[in-house]
Amino acid sequence: MSIDDYILCVDDRGFEDAIDAIKSSSELILDCEGENLGHQGSSLSLISLRTIDSESSKTYLFDAISITNDTLRPLFDILQSHSVTKIVFDGRMDFSELYHGRGVDLRNVLDIQLVDVDSRRQRGEDEDEQLGRLSPYLHRREIMGQASSYSKVHKLCGLEQCLREHKLIDVGEYKPVPHNSWLKRPLPEEYLRYAARDVYFIGRLYNHFRQGSYISDGLLDKSYRYVTIWRDAKPEATDDLRCHGLLPLGILDYYSHALTRSCMGCQRDLPEGAFSRSAWKGMSKRQCWVCRAISVRQNLHQGWDREVDDYYESDDSIFGYYSD
């Protein structure tokens, strides 16, 4: 099937045929679409799956509004299966929506956004380049003047940005859509093609990283830790300390037996290395390095031009707003 081809499942018959076709797959590309996906007040519209077989890869779009939860149960069982690897790109919102909205505990996940960050050092990125990614998220003078405060802070790439960085798409090949019509039925054709393209592009990235041997041991566990970060509750879209474009600490650098303390910003329990010495000892506000960076950005925003602010906000694809 080509990039725009898909099989849309809107009733029991189409659903059963699709499940028969994918149930033997050991790997599936997964993406979800919806209104405010994964956030408070969200609604799920589509569950997109693509098979991996390069000779006969197929994309299936499951209508999560038209098909009942009872009918979708065999699909949910696949998503919860430990024997099927689900490949996602920033699966945090997918997990949040499936878990809180449909009672599905997504398991055995490989998050390609996390693979991208993890592979940067393997690809030769040094600390100066890592810090350079933080500009213009933060003012360059702030970053260079306080470099030690940002050595553990990593900027995430959205899907389109990641594809461009790895030279996997041509100009105009990625075509976003407005996100105010995901609940319409029938869904406009451009939305269906968009959903099909997302899983196609995630698959392209997966093949790229796999061929480059960048998928290291332990990334399945780290990916699960990443996508389940909002297991406690769906986040508010306006919560800047939880919804931002930086990699949360304690994901790639996790130590299971480390002493932890709670960050006053993200409310996560993190080890000593996630804080400055004074913050860890309680001599200053106990914010992790990432929450500190976000607080600095918020303060700097007070005096920045609206034009610059709009530039930052255009990077909202970090959370799947480009696709959800």
C-alpha atoms as a PDB file:
ATOM      1  CA  MET A   1       0.000   0.000   0.000  1.00  0.00           C
ATOM      2  CA  SER A   2       1.197   3.534  -0.758  1.00  0.00           C
ATOM      3  CA  ILE A   3       1.584   6.347   1.733  1.00  0.00           C
ATOM      4  CA  ASP A   4      -2.035   7.514   1.323  1.00  0.00           C
ATOM      5  CA  ASP A   5      -3.684   4.083   1.174  1.00  0.00           C
ATOM      6  CA  TYR A   6      -5.633   2.774   4.139  1.00  0.00           C
ATOM      7  CA  ILE A   7      -8.427   0.421   5.136  1.00  0.00           C
ATOM      8  CA  LEU A   8     -11.116   2.210   7.147  1.00  0.00           C
ATOM      9  CA  CYS A   9     -13.007   0.081   9.671  1.00  0.00           C
ATOM     10  CA  VAL A  10     -16.341   1.575  10.735  1.00  0.00           C
ATOM     11  CA  ASP A  11     -18.473  -1.506  11.479  1.00  0.00           C
ATOM     12  CA  ASP A  12     -18.258  -5.010  12.919  1.00  0.00           C
ATOM     13  CA  ARG A  13     -17.583  -6.739   9.599  1.00  0.00           C
ATOM     14  CA  GLY A  14     -14.727  -4.465   8.596  1.00  0.00           C
ATOM     15  CA  PHE A  15     -13.317  -4.654  12.114  1.00  0.00           C
ATOM     16  CA  GLU A  16     -13.268  -8.450  12.181  1.00  0.00           C
ATOM     17  CA  ASP A  17     -11.541  -8.631   8.799  1.00  0.00           C
ATOM     18  CA  ALA A  18      -8.865  -6.179   9.977  1.00  0.00           C
ATOM     19  CA  ILE A  19      -8.228  -8.045  13.231  1.00  0.00           C
ATOM     20  CA  ASP A  20      -7.815 -11.297  11.305  1.00  0.00           C
ATOM     21  CA  ALA A  21      -5.182  -9.568   9.158  1.00  0.00           C
ATOM     22  CA  ILE A  22      -3.114  -8.076  11.997  1.00  0.00           C
ATOM     23  CA  LYS A  23      -3.446 -10.599  14.824  1.00  0.00           C
ATOM     24  CA  SER A  24      -0.368 -12.544  13.691  1.00  0.00           C
ATOM     25  CA  SER A  25       1.878  -9.437  13.602  1.00  0.00           C
ATOM     26  CA  SER A  26       4.702  -9.233  16.133  1.00  0.00           C
ATOM     27  CA  GLU A  27       5.222  -5.491  15.492  1.00  0.00           C
ATOM     28  CA  LEU A  28       2.676  -2.769  14.722  1.00  0.00           C
ATOM     29  CA  ILE A  29       2.948   0.974  14.182  1.00  0.00           C
ATOM     30  CA  LEU A  30       0.383   2.705  16.427  1.00  0.00           C
ATOM     31  CA  ASP A  31      -1.013   6.220  16.507  1.00  0.00           C
ATOM     32  CA  CYS A  32      -4.234   7.704  17.841  1.00  0.00           C
ATOM     33  CA  GLU A  33      -6.172  10.743  16.674  1.00  0.00           C
ATOM     34  CA  GLY A  34      -8.773  12.774  18.483  1.00  0.00           C
ATOM     35  CA  GLU A  35      -9.825  16.073  19.940  1.00  0.00           C
ATOM     36  CA  ASN A  36      -7.355  17.338  22.591  1.00  0.00           C
ATOM     37  CA  LEU A  37      -6.029  13.785  22.666  1.00  0.00           C
ATOM     38  CA  GLY A  38      -4.848  12.614  26.078  1.00  0.00           C
ATOM     39  CA  HIS A  39      -5.676  15.882  27.847  1.00  0.00           C
ATOM     40  CA  GLN A  40      -8.503  16.675  30.230  1.00  0.00           C
ATOM     41  CA  GLY A  41     -11.762  16.830  28.261  1.00  0.00           C
ATOM     42  CA  SER A  42     -10.400  14.858  25.299  1.00  0.00           C
ATOM     43  CA  SER A  43     -12.183  12.475  22.920  1.00  0.00           C
ATOM     44  CA  LEU A  44     -10.747   9.598  20.879  1.00  0.00           C
ATOM     45  CA  SER A  45     -11.577   9.499  17.173  1.00  0.00           C
ATOM     46  CA  LEU A  46      -9.300   6.992  15.404  1.00  0.00           C
ATOM     47  CA  ILE A  47      -6.880   4.223  16.305  1.00  0.00           C
ATOM     48  CA  SER A  48      -4.379   3.785  13.466  1.00  0.00           C
ATOM     49  CA  LEU A  49      -2.296   0.630  13.027  1.00  0.00           C
ATOM     50  CA  ARG A  50       0.198  -0.243  10.310  1.00  0.00           C
ATOM     51  CA  THR A  51       1.837  -3.598   9.768  1.00  0.00           C
ATOM     52  CA  ILE A  52       5.622  -3.701   9.372  1.00  0.00           C
ATOM     53  CA  ASP A  53       6.132  -6.237   6.574  1.00  0.00           C
ATOM     54  CA  SER A  54       7.873  -4.201   3.867  1.00  0.00           C
ATOM     55  CA  GLU A  55       6.437  -6.367   1.109  1.00  0.00           C
ATOM     56  CA  SER A  56       2.811  -5.948   2.106  1.00  0.00           C
ATOM     57  CA  SER A  57       2.531  -3.263   4.796  1.00  0.00           C
ATOM     58  CA  LYS A  58      -1.048  -2.153   5.321  1.00  0.00           C
ATOM     59  CA  THR A  59      -2.639   0.668   7.292  1.00  0.00           C
ATOM     60  CA  TYR A  60      -5.870   0.158   9.223  1.00  0.00           C
ATOM     61  CA  LEU A  61      -7.900   3.051  10.622  1.00  0.00           C
ATOM     62  CA  PHE A  62     -10.337   1.983  13.337  1.00  0.00           C
ATOM     63  CA  ASP A  63     -13.240   4.354  13.970  1.00  0.00           C
ATOM     64  CA  ALA A  64     -13.311   4.567  17.774  1.00  0.00           C
ATOM     65  CA  ILE A  65     -16.605   6.475  17.708  1.00  0.00           C
ATOM     66  CA  SER A  66     -18.635   4.255  15.383  1.00  0.00           C
ATOM     67  CA  ILE A  67     -17.335   0.951  16.800  1.00  0.00           C
ATOM     68  CA  THR A  68     -18.311   0.100  20.382  1.00  0.00           C
ATOM     69  CA  ASN A  69     -15.817  -0.688  23.139  1.00  0.00           C
ATOM     70  CA  ASP A  70     -17.123  -4.251  23.326  1.00  0.00           C
ATOM     71  CA  THR A  71     -16.430  -4.771  19.632  1.00  0.00           C
ATOM     72  CA  LEU A  72     -13.007  -3.119  19.967  1.00  0.00           C
ATOM     73  CA  ARG A  73     -11.977  -5.517  22.752  1.00  0.00           C
ATOM     74  CA  PRO A  74      -9.865  -7.805  20.483  1.00  0.00           C
ATOM     75  CA  LEU A  75      -7.965  -4.707  19.328  1.00  0.00           C
ATOM     76  CA  PHE A  76      -7.483  -3.573  22.923  1.00  0.00           C
ATOM     77  CA  ASP A  77      -6.140  -7.037  23.762  1.00  0.00           C
ATOM     78  CA  ILE A  78      -3.489  -6.609  21.048  1.00  0.00           C
ATOM     79  CA  LEU A  79      -2.542  -3.189  22.431  1.00  0.00           C
ATOM     80  CA  GLN A  80      -2.145  -4.715  25.904  1.00  0.00           C
ATOM     81  CA  SER A  81      -0.274  -7.792  24.690  1.00  0.00           C
ATOM     82  CA  HIS A  82       3.317  -8.331  25.837  1.00  0.00           C
ATOM     83  CA  SER A  83       4.008 -10.377  22.695  1.00  0.00           C
ATOM     84  CA  VAL A  84       3.269  -7.590  20.195  1.00  0.00           C
ATOM     85  CA  THR A  85       5.578  -4.557  20.033  1.00  0.00           C
ATOM     86  CA  LYS A  86       3.735  -1.288  19.443  1.00  0.00           C
ATOM     87  CA  ILE A  87       5.894   1.372  17.791  1.00  0.00           C
ATOM     88  CA  VAL A  88       4.772   4.933  18.556  1.00  0.00           C
ATOM     89  CA  PHE A  89       6.060   8.475  18.281  1.00  0.00           C
ATOM     90  CA  ASP A  90       5.543  10.369  21.533  1.00  0.00           C
ATOM     91  CA  GLY A  91       3.052   7.844  22.839  1.00  0.00           C
ATOM     92  CA  ARG A  92       2.313   9.759  26.030  1.00  0.00           C
ATOM     93  CA  MET A  93      -0.977  11.147  24.759  1.00  0.00           C
ATOM     94  CA  ASP A  94      -1.906   7.851  23.108  1.00  0.00           C
ATOM     95  CA  PHE A  95      -1.389   6.035  26.414  1.00  0.00           C
ATOM     96  CA  SER A  96      -3.237   8.702  28.400  1.00  0.00           C
ATOM     97  CA  GLU A  97      -6.252   8.563  26.079  1.00  0.00           C
ATOM     98  CA  LEU A  98      -6.387   4.783  25.871  1.00  0.00           C
ATOM     99  CA  TYR A  99      -5.787   4.250  29.588  1.00  0.00           C
ATOM    100  CA  HIS A 100      -8.034   6.906  31.069  1.00  0.00           C
ATOM    101  CA  GLY A 101     -10.612   6.962  28.292  1.00  0.00           C
ATOM    102  CA  ARG A 102     -10.916   3.279  27.338  1.00  0.00           C
ATOM    103  CA  GLY A 103      -9.292   1.356  30.202  1.00  0.00           C
ATOM    104  CA  VAL A 104      -6.490   0.054  27.957  1.00  0.00           C
ATOM    105  CA  ASP A 105      -3.034  -0.395  29.519  1.00  0.00           C
ATOM    106  CA  LEU A 106      -0.772  -0.079  26.479  1.00  0.00           C
ATOM    107  CA  ARG A 107       2.190  -2.452  26.909  1.00  0.00           C
ATOM    108  CA  ASN A 108       5.395  -3.460  25.121  1.00  0.00           C
ATOM    109  CA  VAL A 109       5.914  -0.048  23.536  1.00  0.00           C
ATOM    110  CA  LEU A 110       8.880   1.365  21.632  1.00  0.00           C
ATOM    111  CA  ASP A 111       8.753   5.153  21.422  1.00  0.00           C
ATOM    112  CA  ILE A 112      10.658   6.484  18.412  1.00  0.00           C
ATOM    113  CA  GLN A 113      10.796  10.007  19.840  1.00  0.00           C
ATOM    114  CA  LEU A 114      12.769   8.562  22.745  1.00  0.00           C
ATOM    115  CA  VAL A 115      14.952   6.538  20.366  1.00  0.00           C
ATOM    116  CA  ASP A 116      15.789   9.789  18.570  1.00  0.00           C
ATOM    117  CA  VAL A 117      17.020  11.480  21.764  1.00  0.00           C
ATOM    118  CA  ASP A 118      18.871   8.377  22.936  1.00  0.00           C
ATOM    119  CA  SER A 119      20.679   8.048  19.602  1.00  0.00           C
ATOM    120  CA  ARG A 120      22.012  11.602  19.450  1.00  0.00           C
ATOM    121  CA  ARG A 121      25.279  10.851  21.230  1.00  0.00           C
ATOM    122  CA  GLN A 122      25.732   7.709  19.118  1.00  0.00           C
ATOM    123  CA  ARG A 123      25.312   9.911  16.039  1.00  0.00           C
ATOM    124  CA  GLY A 124      28.091  12.213  17.256  1.00  0.00           C
ATOM    125  CA  GLU A 125      26.148  15.028  18.923  1.00  0.00           C
ATOM    126  CA  ASP A 126      28.297  16.806  21.511  1.00  0.00           C
ATOM    127  CA  GLU A 127      27.233  18.956  24.466  1.00  0.00           C
ATOM    128  CA  ASP A 128      27.419  22.203  22.486  1.00  0.00           C
ATOM    129  CA  GLU A 129      24.986  20.794  19.927  1.00  0.00           C
ATOM    130  CA  GLN A 130      22.722  19.468  22.675  1.00  0.00           C
ATOM    131  CA  LEU A 131      22.621  22.934  24.254  1.00  0.00           C
ATOM    132  CA  GLY A 132      22.135  24.504  20.833  1.00  0.00           C
ATOM    133  CA  ARG A 133      18.846  22.626  20.434  1.00  0.00           C
ATOM    134  CA  LEU A 134      17.494  24.550  23.432  1.00  0.00           C
ATOM    135  CA  SER A 135      17.671  27.839  21.513  1.00  0.00           C
ATOM    136  CA  PRO A 136      15.293  29.539  20.808  1.00  0.00           C
ATOM    137  CA  TYR A 137      13.242  27.583  23.399  1.00  0.00           C
ATOM    138  CA  LEU A 138      15.440  29.502  25.843  1.00  0.00           C
ATOM    139  CA  HIS A 139      17.517  32.599  25.176  1.00  0.00           C
ATOM    140  CA  ARG A 140      20.990  31.624  24.009  1.00  0.00           C
ATOM    141  CA  ARG A 141      22.641  33.956  26.532  1.00  0.00           C
ATOM    142  CA  GLU A 142      20.822  32.167  29.350  1.00  0.00           C
ATOM    143  CA  ILE A 143      21.915  28.761  28.066  1.00  0.00           C
ATOM    144  CA  MET A 144      25.556  29.699  27.551  1.00  0.00           C
ATOM    145  CA  GLY A 145      25.728  31.613  30.820  1.00  0.00           C
ATOM    146  CA  GLN A 146      24.309  28.713  32.831  1.00  0.00           C
ATOM    147  CA  ALA A 147      25.457  25.756  30.729  1.00  0.00           C
ATOM    148  CA  SER A 148      25.831  23.421  33.708  1.00  0.00           C
ATOM    149  CA  SER A 149      22.141  23.927  34.505  1.00  0.00           C
ATOM    150  CA  TYR A 150      21.140  22.560  31.093  1.00  0.00           C
ATOM    151  CA  SER A 151      23.545  19.655  30.594  1.00  0.00           C
ATOM    152  CA  LYS A 152      20.734  17.185  31.387  1.00  0.00           C
ATOM    153  CA  VAL A 153      17.979  19.047  29.548  1.00  0.00           C
ATOM    154  CA  HIS A 154      17.129  17.656  26.107  1.00  0.00           C
ATOM    155  CA  LYS A 155      14.840  19.236  23.520  1.00  0.00           C
ATOM    156  CA  LEU A 156      12.375  16.854  21.910  1.00  0.00           C
ATOM    157  CA  CYS A 157      11.655  16.734  18.187  1.00  0.00           C
ATOM    158  CA  GLY A 158       8.137  16.558  16.817  1.00  0.00           C
ATOM    159  CA  LEU A 159       7.398  14.025  14.098  1.00  0.00           C
ATOM    160  CA  GLU A 160       7.867  16.339  11.125  1.00  0.00           C
ATOM    161  CA  GLN A 161      11.005  17.907  12.606  1.00  0.00           C
ATOM    162  CA  CYS A 162      12.472  14.461  13.262  1.00  0.00           C
ATOM    163  CA  LEU A 163      11.744  13.327   9.697  1.00  0.00           C
ATOM    164  CA  ARG A 164      13.428  16.426   8.307  1.00  0.00           C
ATOM    165  CA  GLU A 165      16.461  16.103  10.561  1.00  0.00           C
ATOM    166  CA  HIS A 166      17.009  12.557   9.331  1.00  0.00           C
ATOM    167  CA  LYS A 167      16.297  13.567   5.717  1.00  0.00           C
ATOM    168  CA  LEU A 168      13.365  11.184   5.371  1.00  0.00           C
ATOM    169  CA  ILE A 169      10.826  13.529   3.769  1.00  0.00           C
ATOM    170  CA  ASP A 170      10.824  16.014   0.934  1.00  0.00           C
ATOM    171  CA  VAL A 171       9.448  19.559   1.060  1.00  0.00           C
ATOM    172  CA  GLY A 172       5.658  19.422   1.009  1.00  0.00           C
ATOM    173  CA  GLU A 173       5.456  15.692   1.705  1.00  0.00           C
ATOM    174  CA  TYR A 174       4.162  16.191   5.261  1.00  0.00           C
ATOM    175  CA  LYS A 175       0.761  17.896   5.109  1.00  0.00           C
ATOM    176  CA  PRO A 176      -0.844  18.902   8.434  1.00  0.00           C
ATOM    177  CA  VAL A 177      -4.580  19.409   8.897  1.00  0.00           C
ATOM    178  CA  PRO A 178      -6.583  21.665  11.235  1.00  0.00           C
ATOM    179  CA  HIS A 179      -7.585  19.750  14.335  1.00  0.00           C
ATOM    180  CA  ASN A 180     -11.145  20.874  14.918  1.00  0.00           C
ATOM    181  CA  SER A 181     -12.951  18.171  12.941  1.00  0.00           C
ATOM    182  CA  TRP A 182     -11.721  14.851  14.343  1.00  0.00           C
ATOM    183  CA  LEU A 183     -15.145  14.109  15.804  1.00  0.00           C
ATOM    184  CA  LYS A 184     -17.064  14.741  12.577  1.00  0.00           C
ATOM    185  CA  ARG A 185     -18.684  11.772  10.879  1.00  0.00           C
ATOM    186  CA  PRO A 186     -18.023  10.910   8.190  1.00  0.00           C
ATOM    187  CA  LEU A 187     -14.470  12.103   8.657  1.00  0.00           C
ATOM    188  CA  PRO A 188     -13.173  14.288   5.818  1.00  0.00           C
ATOM    189  CA  GLU A 189     -10.899  12.416   3.423  1.00  0.00           C
ATOM    190  CA  GLU A 190      -7.959  14.705   4.227  1.00  0.00           C
ATOM    191  CA  TYR A 191      -8.145  13.622   7.879  1.00  0.00           C
ATOM    192  CA  LEU A 192      -8.112   9.954   6.971  1.00  0.00           C
ATOM    193  CA  ARG A 193      -5.119  10.433   4.675  1.00  0.00           C
ATOM    194  CA  TYR A 194      -3.388  12.406   7.409  1.00  0.00           C
ATOM    195  CA  ALA A 195      -3.883   9.599   9.938  1.00  0.00           C
ATOM    196  CA  ALA A 196      -2.570   7.065   7.415  1.00  0.00           C
ATOM    197  CA  ARG A 197       0.478   9.202   6.717  1.00  0.00           C
ATOM    198  CA  ASP A 198       1.356   9.507  10.404  1.00  0.00           C
ATOM    199  CA  VAL A 199       1.753   5.760  10.904  1.00  0.00           C
ATOM    200  CA  TYR A 200       3.542   5.509   7.559  1.00  0.00           C
ATOM    201  CA  PHE A 201       6.088   8.144   8.637  1.00  0.00           C
ATOM    202  CA  ILE A 202       6.536   6.594  12.090  1.00  0.00           C
ATOM    203  CA  GLY A 203       7.324   3.338  10.310  1.00  0.00           C
ATOM    204  CA  ARG A 204       9.839   5.102   8.098  1.00  0.00           C
ATOM    205  CA  LEU A 205      11.632   6.468  11.168  1.00  0.00           C
ATOM    206  CA  TYR A 206      11.557   3.066  12.842  1.00  0.00           C
ATOM    207  CA  ASN A 207      13.212   1.428   9.849  1.00  0.00           C
ATOM    208  CA  HIS A 208      15.797   4.223   9.722  1.00  0.00           C
ATOM    209  CA  PHE A 209      16.820   3.813  13.367  1.00  0.00           C
ATOM    210  CA  ARG A 210      16.744   0.029  13.147  1.00  0.00           C
ATOM    211  CA  GLN A 211      18.984  -0.015  10.077  1.00  0.00           C
ATOM    212  CA  GLY A 212      21.392   2.342  11.847  1.00  0.00           C
ATOM    213  CA  SER A 213      21.494   0.051  14.922  1.00  0.00           C
ATOM    214  CA  TYR A 214      20.330   2.935  17.121  1.00  0.00           C
ATOM    215  CA  ILE A 215      17.680   0.979  19.027  1.00  0.00           C
ATOM    216  CA  SER A 216      19.659   0.047  22.112  1.00  0.00           C
ATOM    217  CA  ASP A 217      18.887  -2.499  24.818  1.00  0.00           C
ATOM    218  CA  GLY A 218      16.539  -1.271  27.492  1.00  0.00           C
ATOM    219  CA  LEU A 219      14.575   1.133  25.293  1.00  0.00           C
ATOM    220  CA  LEU A 220      11.373  -0.885  25.641  1.00  0.00           C
ATOM    221  CA  ASP A 221      11.447  -0.420  29.422  1.00  0.00           C
ATOM    222  CA  LYS A 222      12.392   3.233  29.059  1.00  0.00           C
ATOM    223  CA  SER A 223       9.658   3.768  26.471  1.00  0.00           C
ATOM    224  CA  TYR A 224       7.049   2.296  28.808  1.00  0.00           C
ATOM    225  CA  ARG A 225       8.257   4.583  31.587  1.00  0.00           C
ATOM    226  CA  TYR A 226       7.950   7.500  29.149  1.00  0.00           C
ATOM    227  CA  VAL A 227       4.494   6.829  27.727  1.00  0.00           C
ATOM    228  CA  THR A 228       2.989   6.062  31.160  1.00  0.00           C
ATOM    229  CA  ILE A 229       4.141   9.338  32.664  1.00  0.00           C
ATOM    230  CA  TRP A 230       0.501  10.492  32.990  1.00  0.00           C
ATOM    231  CA  ARG A 231      -0.879   7.268  34.393  1.00  0.00           C
ATOM    232  CA  ASP A 232      -2.151   9.169  37.451  1.00  0.00           C
ATOM    233  CA  ALA A 233      -4.487  11.433  35.439  1.00  0.00           C
ATOM    234  CA  LYS A 234      -4.879  13.179  32.111  1.00  0.00           C
ATOM    235  CA  PRO A 235      -2.881  16.436  32.202  1.00  0.00           C
ATOM    236  CA  GLU A 236      -4.373  19.854  31.673  1.00  0.00           C
ATOM    237  CA  ALA A 237      -3.258  21.258  28.325  1.00  0.00           C
ATOM    238  CA  THR A 238      -2.353  24.515  30.087  1.00  0.00           C
ATOM    239  CA  ASP A 239      -0.045  22.857  32.635  1.00  0.00           C
ATOM    240  CA  ASP A 240       3.323  24.071  31.358  1.00  0.00           C
ATOM    241  CA  LEU A 241       5.261  22.026  33.906  1.00  0.00           C
ATOM    242  CA  ARG A 242       3.797  18.792  32.544  1.00  0.00           C
ATOM    243  CA  CYS A 243       3.120  19.647  28.893  1.00  0.00           C
ATOM    244  CA  HIS A 244       6.267  20.996  27.290  1.00  0.00           C
ATOM    245  CA  GLY A 245       8.846  20.254  24.622  1.00  0.00           C
ATOM    246  CA  LEU A 246      11.609  18.884  26.861  1.00  0.00           C
ATOM    247  CA  LEU A 247      12.438  15.291  27.738  1.00  0.00           C
ATOM    248  CA  PRO A 248      11.344  14.614  31.337  1.00  0.00           C
ATOM    249  CA  LEU A 249      14.145  13.529  33.644  1.00  0.00           C
ATOM    250  CA  GLY A 250      14.264  10.006  35.028  1.00  0.00           C
ATOM    251  CA  ILE A 251      13.381   8.373  31.699  1.00  0.00           C
ATOM    252  CA  LEU A 252      16.654   7.634  29.904  1.00  0.00           C
ATOM    253  CA  ASP A 253      18.638   8.168  33.117  1.00  0.00           C
ATOM    254  CA  TYR A 254      16.512   6.003  35.424  1.00  0.00           C
ATOM    255  CA  TYR A 255      17.990   4.322  38.516  1.00  0.00           C
ATOM    256  CA  SER A 256      15.565   1.956  40.215  1.00  0.00           C
ATOM    257  CA  HIS A 257      17.219   1.939  43.644  1.00  0.00           C
ATOM    258  CA  ALA A 258      18.166   5.612  43.911  1.00  0.00           C
ATOM    259  CA  LEU A 259      16.967   7.816  46.752  1.00  0.00           C
ATOM    260  CA  THR A 260      14.366  10.222  45.361  1.00  0.00           C
ATOM    261  CA  ARG A 261      12.655  13.445  46.310  1.00  0.00           C
ATOM    262  CA  SER A 262       9.598  15.095  44.808  1.00  0.00           C
ATOM    263  CA  CYS A 263       9.984  17.971  42.365  1.00  0.00           C
ATOM    264  CA  MET A 264       7.718  20.884  43.313  1.00  0.00           C
ATOM    265  CA  GLY A 265       7.073  21.541  39.629  1.00  0.00           C
ATOM    266  CA  CYS A 266       6.239  18.286  37.834  1.00  0.00           C
ATOM    267  CA  GLN A 267       5.429  16.479  41.122  1.00  0.00           C
ATOM    268  CA  ARG A 268       7.575  13.514  40.096  1.00  0.00           C
ATOM    269  CA  ASP A 269       9.919  11.615  42.407  1.00  0.00           C
ATOM    270  CA  LEU A 270      13.430  12.027  41.009  1.00  0.00           C
ATOM    271  CA  PRO A 271      16.994  11.154  42.101  1.00  0.00           C
ATOM    272  CA  GLU A 272      19.629  13.578  43.342  1.00  0.00           C
ATOM    273  CA  GLY A 273      21.140  14.136  39.898  1.00  0.00           C
ATOM    274  CA  ALA A 274      17.877  15.677  38.692  1.00  0.00           C
ATOM    275  CA  PHE A 275      18.333  18.681  41.008  1.00  0.00           C
ATOM    276  CA  SER A 276      20.891  21.324  41.808  1.00  0.00           C
ATOM    277  CA  ARG A 277      22.754  20.750  45.055  1.00  0.00           C
ATOM    278  CA  SER A 278      20.841  23.482  46.873  1.00  0.00           C
ATOM    279  CA  ALA A 279      17.468  22.266  45.566  1.00  0.00           C
ATOM    280  CA  TRP A 280      18.197  18.699  46.653  1.00  0.00           C
ATOM    281  CA  LYS A 281      19.137  19.868  50.145  1.00  0.00           C
ATOM    282  CA  GLY A 282      16.059  22.065  50.386  1.00  0.00           C
ATOM    283  CA  MET A 283      17.995  25.323  50.525  1.00  0.00           C
ATOM    284  CA  SER A 284      16.153  26.580  47.450  1.00  0.00           C
ATOM    285  CA  LYS A 285      12.919  25.749  45.642  1.00  0.00           C
ATOM    286  CA  ARG A 286      13.085  22.041  44.838  1.00  0.00           C
ATOM    287  CA  GLN A 287      12.624  22.056  41.079  1.00  0.00           C
ATOM    288  CA  CYS A 288      14.280  19.534  38.789  1.00  0.00           C
ATOM    289  CA  TRP A 289      16.523  20.806  35.991  1.00  0.00           C
ATOM    290  CA  VAL A 290      13.697  20.555  33.446  1.00  0.00           C
ATOM    291  CA  CYS A 291      11.145  22.413  35.579  1.00  0.00           C
ATOM    292  CA  ARG A 292      13.775  25.038  36.321  1.00  0.00           C
ATOM    293  CA  ALA A 293      14.302  25.517  32.567  1.00  0.00           C
ATOM    294  CA  ILE A 294      10.555  25.896  32.020  1.00  0.00           C
ATOM    295  CA  SER A 295      10.308  28.438  34.851  1.00  0.00           C
ATOM    296  CA  VAL A 296      13.195  30.424  33.356  1.00  0.00           C
ATOM    297  CA  ARG A 297      11.471  30.354  29.970  1.00  0.00           C
ATOM    298  CA  GLN A 298       8.213  31.577  31.510  1.00  0.00           C
ATOM    299  CA  ASN A 299      10.029  34.478  33.158  1.00  0.00           C
ATOM    300  CA  LEU A 300      11.871  35.389  29.968  1.00  0.00           C
ATOM    301  CA  HIS A 301       8.617  35.321  28.034  1.00  0.00           C
ATOM    302  CA  GLN A 302       7.349  38.262  30.031  1.00  0.00           C
ATOM    303  CA  GLY A 303       9.572  40.593  28.030  1.00  0.00           C
ATOM    304  CA  TRP A 304       9.755  38.850  24.668  1.00  0.00           C
ATOM    305  CA  ASP A 305       8.126  39.974  21.446  1.00  0.00           C
ATOM    306  CA  ARG A 306       4.862  38.327  20.509  1.00  0.00           C
ATOM    307  CA  GLU A 307       6.504  37.301  17.238  1.00  0.00           C
ATOM    308  CA  VAL A 308       9.076  35.233  19.120  1.00  0.00           C
ATOM    309  CA  ASP A 309       6.351  33.755  21.324  1.00  0.00           C
ATOM    310  CA  ASP A 310       4.451  32.643  18.231  1.00  0.00           C
ATOM    311  CA  TYR A 311       7.607  30.932  16.996  1.00  0.00           C
ATOM    312  CA  TYR A 312       7.759  28.842  20.161  1.00  0.00           C
ATOM    313  CA  GLU A 313       4.102  27.946  20.038  1.00  0.00           C
ATOM    314  CA  SER A 314       4.494  26.707  16.461  1.00  0.00           C
ATOM    315  CA  ASP A 315       6.455  23.742  17.859  1.00  0.00           C
ATOM    316  CA  ASP A 316       3.306  22.276  19.433  1.00  0.00           C
ATOM    317  CA  SER A 317       3.769  19.096  17.377  1.00  0.00           C
ATOM    318  CA  ILE A 318       5.902  17.853  20.275  1.00  0.00           C
ATOM    319  CA  PHE A 319       2.707  16.609  21.913  1.00  0.00           C
ATOM    320  CA  GLY A 320       1.058  15.255  18.858  1.00  0.00           C
ATOM    321  CA  TYR A 321      -1.035  18.387  18.247  1.00  0.00           C
ATOM    322  CA  TYR A 322       0.147  17.986  14.690  1.00  0.00           C
ATOM    323  CA  SER A 323      -1.689  14.678  14.548  1.00  0.00           C
ATOM    324  CA  ASP A 324      -4.139  14.396  17.415  1.00  0.00           C
END
